[in-house]
Amino acid sequence: KTLEVFCPLTCGCAELNSAASGCPEPFGKSCDQLKWYQCLTWNDQHFCPGFNTKIINAMIMYNYASTDLLTTNRQVTMSAFQQAVAQYAGHTEPIDPELVVVDHAWDGVAWVQIYLPDPQMMNSTEMTSSIFSTPLEDYQAAVNATLTASGVSLDDLGIIITHAGDPAGPSGQYGYNYGPPNFYR
């Protein structure tokens, strides 16, 4: 979920006027700050990487047949990636898809963050291993199922997953290692 539920845009919960507006300030942070720190709201609680939760970073690379259809179906495509990662991140069973945040980086690449609000119950080593070792065919099947259920023509869109897992990419050439800013500054 986004922070919109707790930080409605209509009340002006910006960093400079948060205290005066009566907007919530979890952990003493304004809504803008929570967004900057890439906090996730799940089960009516805020989870902020480096403060009260861990995250696993991953990347999905894909080919597609039509830029126009990808643009039109970007949201459902990102949702399909989210569902697929949630399905395989749980190691033995799926995790809640709301714990998976998929951001469009550029056409053909999506960044993935999996939030671990309960590190005792969610083994990050097992989850990372599961995400990084799941065959592309399994990811492809899960994505296709979501796209089909959403009424997207697989042939026309032509999404083919070429990499799912390690954020450095298939050969380590991307060196992707972004994360949230330091929560404590």
C-alpha atoms as a PDB file:
ATOM      1  CA  LYS A   1       0.000   0.000   0.000  1.00  0.00           C
ATOM      2  CA  THR A   2       1.081   3.539  -0.390  1.00  0.00           C
ATOM      3  CA  LEU A   3       1.068   5.999   2.449  1.00  0.00           C
ATOM      4  CA  GLU A   4      -2.040   7.654   1.008  1.00  0.00           C
ATOM      5  CA  VAL A   5      -4.309   5.864   3.475  1.00  0.00           C
ATOM      6  CA  PHE A   6      -2.541   7.486   6.423  1.00  0.00           C
ATOM      7  CA  CYS A   7      -1.208  10.564   4.652  1.00  0.00           C
ATOM      8  CA  PRO A   8      -4.005  11.924   2.492  1.00  0.00           C
ATOM      9  CA  LEU A   9      -2.849  14.438  -0.074  1.00  0.00           C
ATOM     10  CA  THR A  10      -5.919  16.523   0.631  1.00  0.00           C
ATOM     11  CA  CYS A  11      -4.805  17.414   4.159  1.00  0.00           C
ATOM     12  CA  GLY A  12      -1.457  18.745   2.996  1.00  0.00           C
ATOM     13  CA  CYS A  13       0.734  16.411   4.994  1.00  0.00           C
ATOM     14  CA  ALA A  14       3.951  17.829   3.596  1.00  0.00           C
ATOM     15  CA  GLU A  15       7.183  17.879   5.566  1.00  0.00           C
ATOM     16  CA  LEU A  16       6.997  21.610   6.279  1.00  0.00           C
ATOM     17  CA  ASN A  17       3.437  21.711   7.593  1.00  0.00           C
ATOM     18  CA  SER A  18       2.824  18.198   8.877  1.00  0.00           C
ATOM     19  CA  ALA A  19       2.789  19.048  12.575  1.00  0.00           C
ATOM     20  CA  ALA A  20       0.489  22.038  12.077  1.00  0.00           C
ATOM     21  CA  SER A  21      -1.926  20.138   9.837  1.00  0.00           C
ATOM     22  CA  GLY A  22      -2.786  17.417  12.319  1.00  0.00           C
ATOM     23  CA  CYS A  23      -1.490  14.762   9.951  1.00  0.00           C
ATOM     24  CA  PRO A  24      -0.074  11.593  11.482  1.00  0.00           C
ATOM     25  CA  GLU A  25       3.671  11.463  12.084  1.00  0.00           C
ATOM     26  CA  PRO A  26       4.665   7.833  12.646  1.00  0.00           C
ATOM     27  CA  PHE A  27       8.135   7.574  14.195  1.00  0.00           C
ATOM     28  CA  GLY A  28       8.135  11.386  14.296  1.00  0.00           C
ATOM     29  CA  LYS A  29       8.389  11.567  10.501  1.00  0.00           C
ATOM     30  CA  SER A  30       6.137  13.495   8.136  1.00  0.00           C
ATOM     31  CA  CYS A  31       4.340  11.783   5.274  1.00  0.00           C
ATOM     32  CA  ASP A  32       6.869  13.187   2.812  1.00  0.00           C
ATOM     33  CA  GLN A  33       9.690  11.759   4.889  1.00  0.00           C
ATOM     34  CA  LEU A  34       8.029   8.332   5.103  1.00  0.00           C
ATOM     35  CA  LYS A  35       7.759   8.303   1.326  1.00  0.00           C
ATOM     36  CA  TRP A  36      11.389   9.415   0.957  1.00  0.00           C
ATOM     37  CA  TYR A  37      12.511   6.604   3.289  1.00  0.00           C
ATOM     38  CA  GLN A  38      10.501   4.140   1.165  1.00  0.00           C
ATOM     39  CA  CYS A  39       8.292   3.106   4.068  1.00  0.00           C
ATOM     40  CA  LEU A  40       5.491   0.657   3.425  1.00  0.00           C
ATOM     41  CA  THR A  41       2.135   0.649   5.187  1.00  0.00           C
ATOM     42  CA  TRP A  42       0.917  -2.888   5.757  1.00  0.00           C
ATOM     43  CA  ASN A  43      -1.706  -4.145   8.235  1.00  0.00           C
ATOM     44  CA  ASP A  44      -2.149  -0.598   9.520  1.00  0.00           C
ATOM     45  CA  GLN A  45       1.529  -0.291  10.443  1.00  0.00           C
ATOM     46  CA  HIS A  46       4.442   1.509   8.826  1.00  0.00           C
ATOM     47  CA  PHE A  47       7.553  -0.471   7.935  1.00  0.00           C
ATOM     48  CA  CYS A  48      10.677   1.511   7.130  1.00  0.00           C
ATOM     49  CA  PRO A  49      13.807  -0.186   5.767  1.00  0.00           C
ATOM     50  CA  GLY A  50      16.766   0.153   8.081  1.00  0.00           C
ATOM     51  CA  PHE A  51      14.541   1.146  10.980  1.00  0.00           C
ATOM     52  CA  ASN A  52      11.976  -1.557  11.698  1.00  0.00           C
ATOM     53  CA  THR A  53      12.138  -3.847   8.679  1.00  0.00           C
ATOM     54  CA  LYS A  54      14.528  -5.481   6.281  1.00  0.00           C
ATOM     55  CA  ILE A  55      14.080  -5.578   2.525  1.00  0.00           C
ATOM     56  CA  ILE A  56      15.276  -7.857  -0.244  1.00  0.00           C
ATOM     57  CA  ASN A  57      16.133  -6.105  -3.506  1.00  0.00           C
ATOM     58  CA  ALA A  58      15.603  -7.844  -6.831  1.00  0.00           C
ATOM     59  CA  MET A  59      15.240  -6.982 -10.502  1.00  0.00           C
ATOM     60  CA  ILE A  60      13.072  -8.221 -13.353  1.00  0.00           C
ATOM     61  CA  MET A  61      14.217  -7.761 -16.941  1.00  0.00           C
ATOM     62  CA  TYR A  62      11.839  -8.423 -19.799  1.00  0.00           C
ATOM     63  CA  ASN A  63      11.301  -8.025 -23.512  1.00  0.00           C
ATOM     64  CA  TYR A  64       8.023  -6.821 -24.978  1.00  0.00           C
ATOM     65  CA  ALA A  65       6.458  -6.602 -28.412  1.00  0.00           C
ATOM     66  CA  SER A  66       4.700  -3.236 -28.272  1.00  0.00           C
ATOM     67  CA  THR A  67       5.759  -0.033 -26.528  1.00  0.00           C
ATOM     68  CA  ASP A  68       2.243   1.366 -26.895  1.00  0.00           C
ATOM     69  CA  LEU A  69       0.643  -1.699 -25.296  1.00  0.00           C
ATOM     70  CA  LEU A  70       3.265  -1.755 -22.550  1.00  0.00           C
ATOM     71  CA  THR A  71       2.549   1.891 -21.770  1.00  0.00           C
ATOM     72  CA  THR A  72      -1.195   1.240 -21.763  1.00  0.00           C
ATOM     73  CA  ASN A  73      -0.814  -1.891 -19.603  1.00  0.00           C
ATOM     74  CA  ARG A  74       2.085  -0.797 -17.389  1.00  0.00           C
ATOM     75  CA  GLN A  75       0.105  -0.971 -14.148  1.00  0.00           C
ATOM     76  CA  VAL A  76      -1.250  -4.470 -14.795  1.00  0.00           C
ATOM     77  CA  THR A  77       2.208  -5.615 -15.956  1.00  0.00           C
ATOM     78  CA  MET A  78       3.833  -4.345 -12.744  1.00  0.00           C
ATOM     79  CA  SER A  79       1.033  -6.023 -10.788  1.00  0.00           C
ATOM     80  CA  ALA A  80       1.715  -9.295 -12.628  1.00  0.00           C
ATOM     81  CA  PHE A  81       5.387  -9.036 -11.642  1.00  0.00           C
ATOM     82  CA  GLN A  82       4.340  -8.291  -8.057  1.00  0.00           C
ATOM     83  CA  GLN A  83       2.086 -11.367  -7.942  1.00  0.00           C
ATOM     84  CA  ALA A  84       4.790 -13.598  -9.432  1.00  0.00           C
ATOM     85  CA  VAL A  85       7.471 -12.480  -6.970  1.00  0.00           C
ATOM     86  CA  ALA A  86       5.064 -12.876  -4.032  1.00  0.00           C
ATOM     87  CA  GLN A  87       4.260 -16.381  -5.225  1.00  0.00           C
ATOM     88  CA  TYR A  88       7.913 -17.466  -5.176  1.00  0.00           C
ATOM     89  CA  ALA A  89       9.350 -15.291  -2.400  1.00  0.00           C
ATOM     90  CA  GLY A  90       7.654 -17.263   0.338  1.00  0.00           C
ATOM     91  CA  HIS A  91       9.986 -20.238  -0.128  1.00  0.00           C
ATOM     92  CA  THR A  92       7.324 -22.774   0.906  1.00  0.00           C
ATOM     93  CA  GLU A  93       4.189 -20.673   0.432  1.00  0.00           C
ATOM     94  CA  PRO A  94       3.374 -17.316  -1.156  1.00  0.00           C
ATOM     95  CA  ILE A  95       3.743 -14.100   0.804  1.00  0.00           C
ATOM     96  CA  ASP A  96       1.252 -11.250   0.817  1.00  0.00           C
ATOM     97  CA  PRO A  97       1.686  -9.419  -2.516  1.00  0.00           C
ATOM     98  CA  GLU A  98       1.344  -6.111  -0.655  1.00  0.00           C
ATOM     99  CA  LEU A  99       4.815  -6.783   0.791  1.00  0.00           C
ATOM    100  CA  VAL A 100       6.252  -6.678  -2.732  1.00  0.00           C
ATOM    101  CA  VAL A 101       6.811  -3.263  -4.283  1.00  0.00           C
ATOM    102  CA  VAL A 102       7.571  -3.214  -8.008  1.00  0.00           C
ATOM    103  CA  ASP A 103       8.749   0.025  -9.579  1.00  0.00           C
ATOM    104  CA  HIS A 104       9.064   0.639 -13.291  1.00  0.00           C
ATOM    105  CA  ALA A 105      12.690   1.613 -13.882  1.00  0.00           C
ATOM    106  CA  TRP A 106      12.550   1.874 -17.664  1.00  0.00           C
ATOM    107  CA  ASP A 107      10.916  -0.215 -20.358  1.00  0.00           C
ATOM    108  CA  GLY A 108      12.379  -3.677 -19.994  1.00  0.00           C
ATOM    109  CA  VAL A 109      13.477  -3.318 -16.339  1.00  0.00           C
ATOM    110  CA  ALA A 110      11.556  -3.276 -13.062  1.00  0.00           C
ATOM    111  CA  TRP A 111      13.050  -2.915  -9.589  1.00  0.00           C
ATOM    112  CA  VAL A 112      11.592  -5.051  -6.836  1.00  0.00           C
ATOM    113  CA  GLN A 113      11.655  -4.624  -3.078  1.00  0.00           C
ATOM    114  CA  ILE A 114      10.306  -7.334  -0.778  1.00  0.00           C
ATOM    115  CA  TYR A 115       9.559  -6.055   2.715  1.00  0.00           C
ATOM    116  CA  LEU A 116      10.160  -8.374   5.670  1.00  0.00           C
ATOM    117  CA  PRO A 117       8.089  -6.966   8.542  1.00  0.00           C
ATOM    118  CA  ASP A 118       8.723 -10.054  10.688  1.00  0.00           C
ATOM    119  CA  PRO A 119      12.326 -11.239  10.199  1.00  0.00           C
ATOM    120  CA  GLN A 120      11.807 -14.111  12.675  1.00  0.00           C
ATOM    121  CA  MET A 121       9.017 -15.548  10.534  1.00  0.00           C
ATOM    122  CA  MET A 122      10.411 -14.466   7.161  1.00  0.00           C
ATOM    123  CA  ASN A 123      13.866 -15.945   6.615  1.00  0.00           C
ATOM    124  CA  SER A 124      15.605 -13.520   4.272  1.00  0.00           C
ATOM    125  CA  THR A 125      18.266 -16.053   3.249  1.00  0.00           C
ATOM    126  CA  GLU A 126      15.686 -18.660   2.233  1.00  0.00           C
ATOM    127  CA  MET A 127      13.522 -16.063   0.536  1.00  0.00           C
ATOM    128  CA  THR A 128      16.430 -14.607  -1.433  1.00  0.00           C
ATOM    129  CA  SER A 129      17.493 -18.088  -2.485  1.00  0.00           C
ATOM    130  CA  SER A 130      13.954 -18.901  -3.560  1.00  0.00           C
ATOM    131  CA  ILE A 131      13.519 -15.669  -5.541  1.00  0.00           C
ATOM    132  CA  PHE A 132      16.906 -15.915  -7.236  1.00  0.00           C
ATOM    133  CA  SER A 133      16.651 -19.632  -8.073  1.00  0.00           C
ATOM    134  CA  THR A 134      13.084 -19.841  -9.370  1.00  0.00           C
ATOM    135  CA  PRO A 135      13.216 -20.816 -13.063  1.00  0.00           C
ATOM    136  CA  LEU A 136      12.244 -18.101 -15.530  1.00  0.00           C
ATOM    137  CA  GLU A 137       9.572 -20.413 -16.914  1.00  0.00           C
ATOM    138  CA  ASP A 138       7.809 -20.351 -13.532  1.00  0.00           C
ATOM    139  CA  TYR A 139       7.905 -16.555 -13.360  1.00  0.00           C
ATOM    140  CA  GLN A 140       6.698 -16.385 -16.961  1.00  0.00           C
ATOM    141  CA  ALA A 141       3.764 -18.717 -16.251  1.00  0.00           C
ATOM    142  CA  ALA A 142       2.706 -16.683 -13.201  1.00  0.00           C
ATOM    143  CA  VAL A 143       2.963 -13.377 -15.101  1.00  0.00           C
ATOM    144  CA  ASN A 144       1.036 -14.806 -18.058  1.00  0.00           C
ATOM    145  CA  ALA A 145      -1.733 -16.036 -15.757  1.00  0.00           C
ATOM    146  CA  THR A 146      -2.155 -12.581 -14.180  1.00  0.00           C
ATOM    147  CA  LEU A 147      -2.059 -10.783 -17.529  1.00  0.00           C
ATOM    148  CA  THR A 148      -4.578 -13.205 -19.036  1.00  0.00           C
ATOM    149  CA  ALA A 149      -6.892 -12.844 -16.030  1.00  0.00           C
ATOM    150  CA  SER A 150      -6.685  -9.065 -16.548  1.00  0.00           C
ATOM    151  CA  GLY A 151      -7.718  -9.411 -20.185  1.00  0.00           C
ATOM    152  CA  VAL A 152      -4.332  -8.487 -21.669  1.00  0.00           C
ATOM    153  CA  SER A 153      -3.442 -10.189 -24.948  1.00  0.00           C
ATOM    154  CA  LEU A 154      -0.223 -12.111 -24.350  1.00  0.00           C
ATOM    155  CA  ASP A 155       0.552 -12.255 -28.066  1.00  0.00           C
ATOM    156  CA  ASP A 156       0.092  -8.530 -28.597  1.00  0.00           C
ATOM    157  CA  LEU A 157       1.975  -7.398 -25.475  1.00  0.00           C
ATOM    158  CA  GLY A 158       4.626 -10.074 -25.869  1.00  0.00           C
ATOM    159  CA  ILE A 159       6.132  -9.913 -22.361  1.00  0.00           C
ATOM    160  CA  ILE A 160       9.030 -12.357 -22.114  1.00  0.00           C
ATOM    161  CA  ILE A 161      10.927 -12.422 -18.817  1.00  0.00           C
ATOM    162  CA  THR A 162      14.670 -12.627 -19.430  1.00  0.00           C
ATOM    163  CA  HIS A 163      15.879 -12.226 -15.833  1.00  0.00           C
ATOM    164  CA  ALA A 164      14.249 -12.381 -12.415  1.00  0.00           C
ATOM    165  CA  GLY A 165      16.241 -12.203  -9.234  1.00  0.00           C
ATOM    166  CA  ASP A 166      19.674 -10.795  -8.530  1.00  0.00           C
ATOM    167  CA  PRO A 167      19.524  -6.987  -8.682  1.00  0.00           C
ATOM    168  CA  ALA A 168      22.969  -6.903 -10.321  1.00  0.00           C
ATOM    169  CA  GLY A 169      21.437  -8.478 -13.416  1.00  0.00           C
ATOM    170  CA  PRO A 170      22.172 -11.738 -15.171  1.00  0.00           C
ATOM    171  CA  SER A 171      25.912 -11.090 -15.492  1.00  0.00           C
ATOM    172  CA  GLY A 172      26.379  -8.661 -12.648  1.00  0.00           C
ATOM    173  CA  GLN A 173      26.760  -5.810 -15.099  1.00  0.00           C
ATOM    174  CA  TYR A 174      24.098  -3.573 -13.584  1.00  0.00           C
ATOM    175  CA  GLY A 175      25.581  -3.318 -10.123  1.00  0.00           C
ATOM    176  CA  TYR A 176      22.126  -2.424  -8.851  1.00  0.00           C
ATOM    177  CA  ASN A 177      22.245  -1.865  -5.149  1.00  0.00           C
ATOM    178  CA  TYR A 178      19.868   0.960  -4.422  1.00  0.00           C
ATOM    179  CA  GLY A 179      18.143   1.178  -1.152  1.00  0.00           C
ATOM    180  CA  PRO A 180      16.304   3.660   0.966  1.00  0.00           C
ATOM    181  CA  PRO A 181      18.084   6.626   2.469  1.00  0.00           C
ATOM    182  CA  ASN A 182      19.288   6.397   6.062  1.00  0.00           C
ATOM    183  CA  PHE A 183      16.203   6.598   8.291  1.00  0.00           C
ATOM    184  CA  TYR A 184      18.137   7.979  11.242  1.00  0.00           C
ATOM    185  CA  ARG A 185      19.495  11.158   9.668  1.00  0.00           C
END
